[in-house]
Amino acid sequence: MSIAPQQNDASLDAAVISWFAVNARDLPWRRPGFTAWGTLVSEFMLQQTPVSRVIPRLAEWLDRWPAPADLAASSPGDAVRAWQSLGYPRRALWLHAAAVAIVERHDGVVPRDVDALLALPGVGDYTARAVAAFAYGDRHPVVDTNIRRVIARAVAGHAEPGPPAARADLAAMTALLPEGHAEARSFNAGMMELGAVICTARAPRCELCPLISVCAWRAAGYPGYSGPRKAVQKKYEGSDRQVRGIVLAALRVAHDTSTSVPRHELDALWPDPVQLARALTGLLADGLAVEAPNGFTLP
């Protein structure tokens, strides 16, 4: 079920912007002077990772690599090592590759143009528009899971937004976006914040919502959702993801001492040899591990 575009509702805009001005969380990437590079790094880290886990790791990264050129001058293995427990470590490789591309194509400055951002490794529709809107203040619709849920409920009257549909989702947010650049930036951030802390997936706090008087879902009596759903992710325990994480943890330790991990040491990390071999093959294919003369290392 896609979100149908709606006409701009000035009362909705004003309610979200006013609420955000008072209730916005104090997050590093919202503070004055936060760089476009910092915004890009934070957006990579925030993909499928809670804010509370990102904040300390983001500070470490920006202390170590305050500009794209600093990260580009390090090895991909250093990036994977520093990623630690954020999960989905391919993001570290993509971020390193993006830093290299920024240095080579843009003289070390994070580009402002959405198409130029989209051309960077690992940057998709959301990240490109988030950097352009939040770092540079340009007027672009920003759509993440939280925003999709708020629009689905408040505007379309659905309990859930259903599977993503990039074109329809961007059109829906564009229709709501205020014309002024500053207002659009605040509205993007406010809608995201509203979905993160009030209009949550499992326990929406409707009594605290600034859109309670205009919410189409509330007006319809909170109907249940009957549309298509995304595939449910398999549990982490016992999964290939867990095995990959265990192997990567061993490679990170070895990376600190510039040594490799012999295959027999990796074999001892997991009882299922077939699953371990599959995880190792996947890490090699993804560029997260490389073969060395005496075993395996980070890239």
Protein backbone atom coordinates (compact mmCIF):
# COMPACT_ATOMS: atom_id res chain seq x y z
CA MET A 1 0.00 0.00 0.00
CA SER A 2 1.75 3.17 -1.16
CA ILE A 3 1.10 6.58 0.34
CA ALA A 4 -0.97 8.69 -2.02
CA PRO A 5 0.25 12.28 -2.49
CA GLN A 6 -1.90 14.84 -0.70
CA GLN A 7 -2.33 18.60 -0.95
CA ASN A 8 -0.10 20.66 1.31
CA ASP A 9 -1.80 21.16 4.68
CA ALA A 10 -0.54 24.38 6.26
CA SER A 11 -1.97 23.45 9.66
CA LEU A 12 -0.05 20.15 9.60
CA ASP A 13 3.18 21.94 8.61
CA ALA A 14 2.83 24.55 11.33
CA ALA A 15 1.95 21.98 13.99
CA VAL A 16 5.00 19.82 13.23
CA ILE A 17 7.43 22.74 13.02
CA SER A 18 6.17 24.31 16.24
CA TRP A 19 6.27 20.99 18.08
CA PHE A 20 9.80 20.24 16.85
CA ALA A 21 11.09 23.65 17.92
CA VAL A 22 10.20 22.79 21.52
CA ASN A 23 10.67 19.02 21.63
CA ALA A 24 13.66 18.24 19.39
CA ARG A 25 16.22 16.00 21.03
CA ASP A 26 19.71 17.42 21.43
CA LEU A 27 21.58 15.30 18.88
CA PRO A 28 25.11 16.02 17.59
CA TRP A 29 24.10 16.38 13.95
CA ARG A 30 21.53 19.05 14.86
CA ARG A 31 23.99 21.36 16.59
CA PRO A 32 25.27 24.55 14.94
CA GLY A 33 28.51 24.10 13.06
CA PHE A 34 28.13 20.38 12.52
CA THR A 35 29.81 19.64 9.19
CA ALA A 36 28.43 18.13 6.02
CA TRP A 37 30.98 15.34 6.42
CA GLY A 38 29.71 14.69 9.94
CA THR A 39 26.17 14.58 8.59
CA LEU A 40 27.15 12.06 5.93
CA VAL A 41 28.95 9.86 8.47
CA SER A 42 25.99 10.02 10.85
CA GLU A 43 23.54 9.05 8.12
CA PHE A 44 25.62 6.01 7.21
CA MET A 45 25.77 4.98 10.86
CA LEU A 46 22.08 5.56 11.53
CA GLN A 47 20.98 3.10 8.84
CA GLN A 48 19.38 0.27 10.86
CA THR A 49 21.22 1.29 14.04
CA PRO A 50 19.68 3.04 17.10
CA VAL A 51 20.69 6.62 17.87
CA SER A 52 22.02 5.66 21.30
CA ARG A 53 24.60 3.33 19.75
CA VAL A 54 25.58 5.76 17.01
CA ILE A 55 26.38 8.82 19.13
CA PRO A 56 29.55 7.54 20.87
CA ARG A 57 30.87 5.85 17.73
CA LEU A 58 30.22 8.98 15.65
CA ALA A 59 32.27 11.09 18.08
CA GLU A 60 35.16 8.62 17.84
CA TRP A 61 35.06 8.61 14.04
CA LEU A 62 34.99 12.39 13.69
CA ASP A 63 37.81 12.77 16.21
CA ARG A 64 39.91 10.35 14.20
CA TRP A 65 38.73 11.31 10.71
CA PRO A 66 37.37 14.91 10.84
CA ALA A 67 37.32 15.25 7.04
CA PRO A 68 36.88 12.90 4.05
CA ALA A 69 40.58 13.13 3.20
CA ASP A 70 41.49 11.77 6.64
CA LEU A 71 39.41 8.63 6.19
CA ALA A 72 40.49 8.23 2.56
CA ALA A 73 44.12 8.20 3.69
CA SER A 74 43.44 5.24 6.00
CA SER A 75 42.90 1.66 4.87
CA PRO A 76 39.46 0.09 4.41
CA GLY A 77 40.47 -2.29 7.18
CA ASP A 78 40.90 0.63 9.57
CA ALA A 79 37.32 1.68 8.79
CA VAL A 80 35.95 -1.80 9.39
CA ARG A 81 37.94 -2.06 12.63
CA ALA A 82 36.57 1.27 13.88
CA TRP A 83 33.01 0.30 12.97
CA GLN A 84 33.08 -2.22 15.82
CA SER A 85 29.58 -3.27 16.91
CA LEU A 86 27.42 -0.96 14.78
CA GLY A 87 26.34 -3.87 12.60
CA TYR A 88 26.11 -4.23 8.82
CA PRO A 89 29.86 -3.55 8.46
CA ARG A 90 29.65 -3.18 4.69
CA ARG A 91 28.57 0.36 5.52
CA ALA A 92 32.11 1.00 6.77
CA LEU A 93 33.55 -0.06 3.42
CA TRP A 94 31.03 2.08 1.53
CA LEU A 95 31.78 5.07 3.74
CA HIS A 96 35.50 4.65 3.12
CA ALA A 97 34.87 4.37 -0.62
CA ALA A 98 32.65 7.48 -0.46
CA ALA A 99 35.46 9.39 1.27
CA VAL A 100 37.89 8.36 -1.48
CA ALA A 101 35.39 9.46 -4.13
CA ILE A 102 34.85 12.83 -2.40
CA VAL A 103 38.59 13.44 -2.40
CA GLU A 104 39.03 12.38 -6.03
CA ARG A 105 35.93 14.00 -7.52
CA HIS A 106 35.11 16.93 -5.24
CA ASP A 107 38.45 18.14 -3.82
CA GLY A 108 37.63 16.69 -0.43
CA VAL A 109 34.34 18.60 0.02
CA VAL A 110 31.07 16.72 0.48
CA PRO A 111 28.97 17.69 -2.55
CA ARG A 112 25.75 19.63 -2.16
CA ASP A 113 24.01 18.47 -5.34
CA VAL A 114 21.71 15.47 -4.86
CA ASP A 115 22.81 13.77 -8.08
CA ALA A 116 26.47 14.15 -7.09
CA LEU A 117 25.67 12.69 -3.68
CA LEU A 118 23.80 9.79 -5.26
CA ALA A 119 26.89 8.99 -7.33
CA LEU A 120 28.92 8.33 -4.17
CA PRO A 121 29.34 4.68 -3.07
CA GLY A 122 26.71 3.56 -0.58
CA VAL A 123 24.56 6.70 -0.90
CA GLY A 124 20.90 6.20 -1.76
CA ASP A 125 17.83 8.41 -2.12
CA TYR A 126 17.37 9.03 1.59
CA THR A 127 21.01 9.73 2.47
CA ALA A 128 21.57 12.05 -0.50
CA ARG A 129 18.54 14.18 0.32
CA ALA A 130 19.25 14.12 4.06
CA VAL A 131 22.74 15.56 3.50
CA ALA A 132 21.47 18.19 1.05
CA ALA A 133 18.59 19.19 3.35
CA PHE A 134 20.17 18.99 6.81
CA ALA A 135 23.79 19.90 6.08
CA TYR A 136 23.21 22.50 3.36
CA GLY A 137 19.65 23.64 4.10
CA ASP A 138 18.34 22.98 0.59
CA ARG A 139 14.68 22.21 -0.01
CA HIS A 140 14.32 18.48 -0.66
CA PRO A 141 11.82 15.91 0.59
CA VAL A 142 13.48 13.53 3.04
CA VAL A 143 11.73 10.20 3.56
CA ASP A 144 12.73 7.55 6.09
CA THR A 145 10.74 4.84 7.87
CA ASN A 146 9.54 7.24 10.56
CA ILE A 147 8.31 9.84 8.09
CA ARG A 148 6.56 7.21 6.00
CA ARG A 149 4.67 6.04 9.09
CA VAL A 150 3.58 9.55 10.10
CA ILE A 151 2.30 10.31 6.59
CA ALA A 152 0.53 6.95 6.37
CA ARG A 153 -1.34 7.60 9.60
CA ALA A 154 -1.87 11.35 9.77
CA VAL A 155 -2.48 11.96 6.06
CA ALA A 156 -3.61 8.70 4.45
CA GLY A 157 -5.41 7.18 7.45
CA HIS A 158 -3.54 3.85 7.39
CA ALA A 159 -2.10 2.09 10.42
CA GLU A 160 1.14 1.34 8.54
CA PRO A 161 2.77 2.65 5.37
CA GLY A 162 3.38 -0.75 3.79
CA PRO A 163 6.50 -1.62 1.78
CA PRO A 164 8.56 1.35 0.51
CA ALA A 165 7.71 2.83 -2.87
CA ALA A 166 10.36 5.48 -3.53
CA ARG A 167 8.55 7.55 -6.17
CA ALA A 168 5.22 7.61 -4.34
CA ASP A 169 6.83 8.23 -0.95
CA LEU A 170 8.86 11.20 -2.25
CA ALA A 171 5.76 12.61 -3.96
CA ALA A 172 3.78 12.35 -0.73
CA MET A 173 6.43 14.22 1.25
CA THR A 174 6.94 16.79 -1.52
CA ALA A 175 3.22 17.61 -1.41
CA LEU A 176 3.50 18.41 2.30
CA LEU A 177 6.82 20.25 2.22
CA PRO A 178 6.71 24.01 3.01
CA GLU A 179 8.09 26.34 0.33
CA GLY A 180 10.67 28.11 2.48
CA HIS A 181 14.02 26.38 2.81
CA ALA A 182 14.31 26.87 6.57
CA GLU A 183 10.73 25.71 7.10
CA ALA A 184 11.25 22.70 4.85
CA ARG A 185 14.37 21.70 6.78
CA SER A 186 12.53 21.94 10.10
CA PHE A 187 9.53 20.07 8.72
CA ASN A 188 11.72 17.22 7.45
CA ALA A 189 13.46 16.91 10.79
CA GLY A 190 10.22 17.37 12.74
CA MET A 191 8.36 14.65 10.86
CA MET A 192 11.29 12.30 11.41
CA GLU A 193 11.40 13.14 15.12
CA LEU A 194 7.64 12.73 15.46
CA GLY A 195 7.81 9.22 14.02
CA ALA A 196 10.81 8.32 16.20
CA VAL A 197 9.46 9.39 19.58
CA ILE A 198 5.66 9.85 19.35
CA CYS A 199 4.11 8.11 16.32
CA THR A 200 6.08 4.93 16.93
CA ALA A 201 5.37 1.63 15.22
CA ARG A 202 4.19 -0.42 18.19
CA ALA A 203 2.96 2.03 20.84
CA PRO A 204 2.06 5.46 19.39
CA ARG A 205 1.61 8.14 22.05
CA CYS A 206 -1.34 9.78 20.36
CA GLU A 207 -2.26 11.88 23.39
CA LEU A 208 1.05 13.76 23.01
CA CYS A 209 0.95 14.12 19.23
CA PRO A 210 0.75 17.63 17.75
CA LEU A 211 -1.29 16.19 14.86
CA ILE A 212 -4.00 14.65 17.03
CA SER A 213 -6.65 17.05 15.73
CA VAL A 214 -5.86 16.46 12.04
CA CYS A 215 -4.80 12.79 12.06
CA ALA A 216 -6.78 10.82 9.47
CA TRP A 217 -6.05 7.51 11.19
CA ARG A 218 -7.47 8.77 14.49
CA ALA A 219 -10.50 10.26 12.73
CA ALA A 220 -11.18 6.87 11.12
CA GLY A 221 -11.14 5.10 14.48
CA TYR A 222 -7.64 3.62 14.24
CA PRO A 223 -8.41 0.88 11.67
CA GLY A 224 -6.02 -2.05 11.53
CA TYR A 225 -3.60 -2.63 8.68
CA SER A 226 -4.47 -5.22 6.03
CA GLY A 227 -2.04 -4.35 3.24
CA PRO A 228 1.20 -6.05 2.16
CA ARG A 229 4.07 -6.30 4.61
CA LYS A 230 7.83 -6.41 4.34
CA ALA A 231 9.49 -9.76 4.81
CA VAL A 232 10.32 -10.41 8.46
CA GLN A 233 14.05 -10.53 9.11
CA LYS A 234 15.32 -13.81 10.52
CA LYS A 235 16.44 -13.78 14.14
CA TYR A 236 20.08 -12.90 14.76
CA GLU A 237 20.98 -15.77 17.11
CA GLY A 238 22.37 -18.65 15.10
CA SER A 239 22.16 -16.78 11.81
CA ASP A 240 24.85 -16.27 9.19
CA ARG A 241 24.93 -12.64 10.34
CA GLN A 242 25.99 -13.75 13.79
CA VAL A 243 28.74 -15.99 12.38
CA ARG A 244 29.99 -13.18 10.14
CA GLY A 245 30.13 -10.92 13.19
CA ILE A 246 32.14 -13.47 15.15
CA VAL A 247 34.65 -13.89 12.31
CA LEU A 248 34.94 -10.11 11.87
CA ALA A 249 35.56 -9.66 15.60
CA ALA A 250 38.53 -12.04 15.38
CA LEU A 251 39.87 -10.22 12.33
CA ARG A 252 39.57 -6.87 14.12
CA VAL A 253 41.67 -8.11 17.02
CA ALA A 254 44.33 -9.36 14.63
CA HIS A 255 44.21 -6.07 12.72
CA ASP A 256 45.42 -4.24 15.83
CA THR A 257 48.63 -6.27 15.80
CA SER A 258 49.00 -6.40 11.99
CA THR A 259 48.66 -10.18 11.97
CA SER A 260 46.40 -12.60 10.16
CA VAL A 261 44.05 -15.22 11.57
CA PRO A 262 44.81 -18.80 10.46
CA ARG A 263 41.92 -20.81 9.06
CA HIS A 264 42.09 -23.36 11.88
CA GLU A 265 41.53 -20.57 14.44
CA LEU A 266 38.47 -19.39 12.53
CA ASP A 267 37.17 -22.98 12.35
CA ALA A 268 37.28 -23.12 16.15
CA LEU A 269 34.96 -20.11 16.47
CA TRP A 270 31.74 -21.84 15.33
CA PRO A 271 30.55 -25.46 15.62
CA ASP A 272 28.92 -25.69 12.17
CA PRO A 273 31.72 -25.86 9.56
CA VAL A 274 29.33 -25.42 6.62
CA GLN A 275 27.83 -22.24 8.07
CA LEU A 276 31.26 -20.92 9.00
CA ALA A 277 32.54 -21.53 5.47
CA ARG A 278 29.48 -19.78 4.05
CA ALA A 279 30.00 -16.77 6.33
CA LEU A 280 33.69 -16.54 5.44
CA THR A 281 32.95 -16.83 1.72
CA GLY A 282 30.43 -14.01 2.07
CA LEU A 283 32.90 -11.78 3.90
CA LEU A 284 35.50 -12.35 1.19
CA ALA A 285 32.96 -11.62 -1.56
CA ASP A 286 31.88 -8.41 0.19
CA GLY A 287 35.46 -7.21 0.58
CA LEU A 288 35.25 -7.29 4.38
CA ALA A 289 37.98 -9.95 4.60
CA VAL A 290 40.94 -10.84 2.41
CA GLU A 291 43.18 -13.86 2.20
CA ALA A 292 46.73 -13.41 3.49
CA PRO A 293 49.75 -15.75 3.32
CA ASN A 294 49.01 -17.20 6.75
CA GLY A 295 45.24 -16.82 6.97
CA PHE A 296 42.76 -13.97 6.72
CA THR A 297 42.80 -10.26 7.56
CA LEU A 298 40.68 -7.16 7.24
CA PRO A 299 41.11 -5.39 3.86
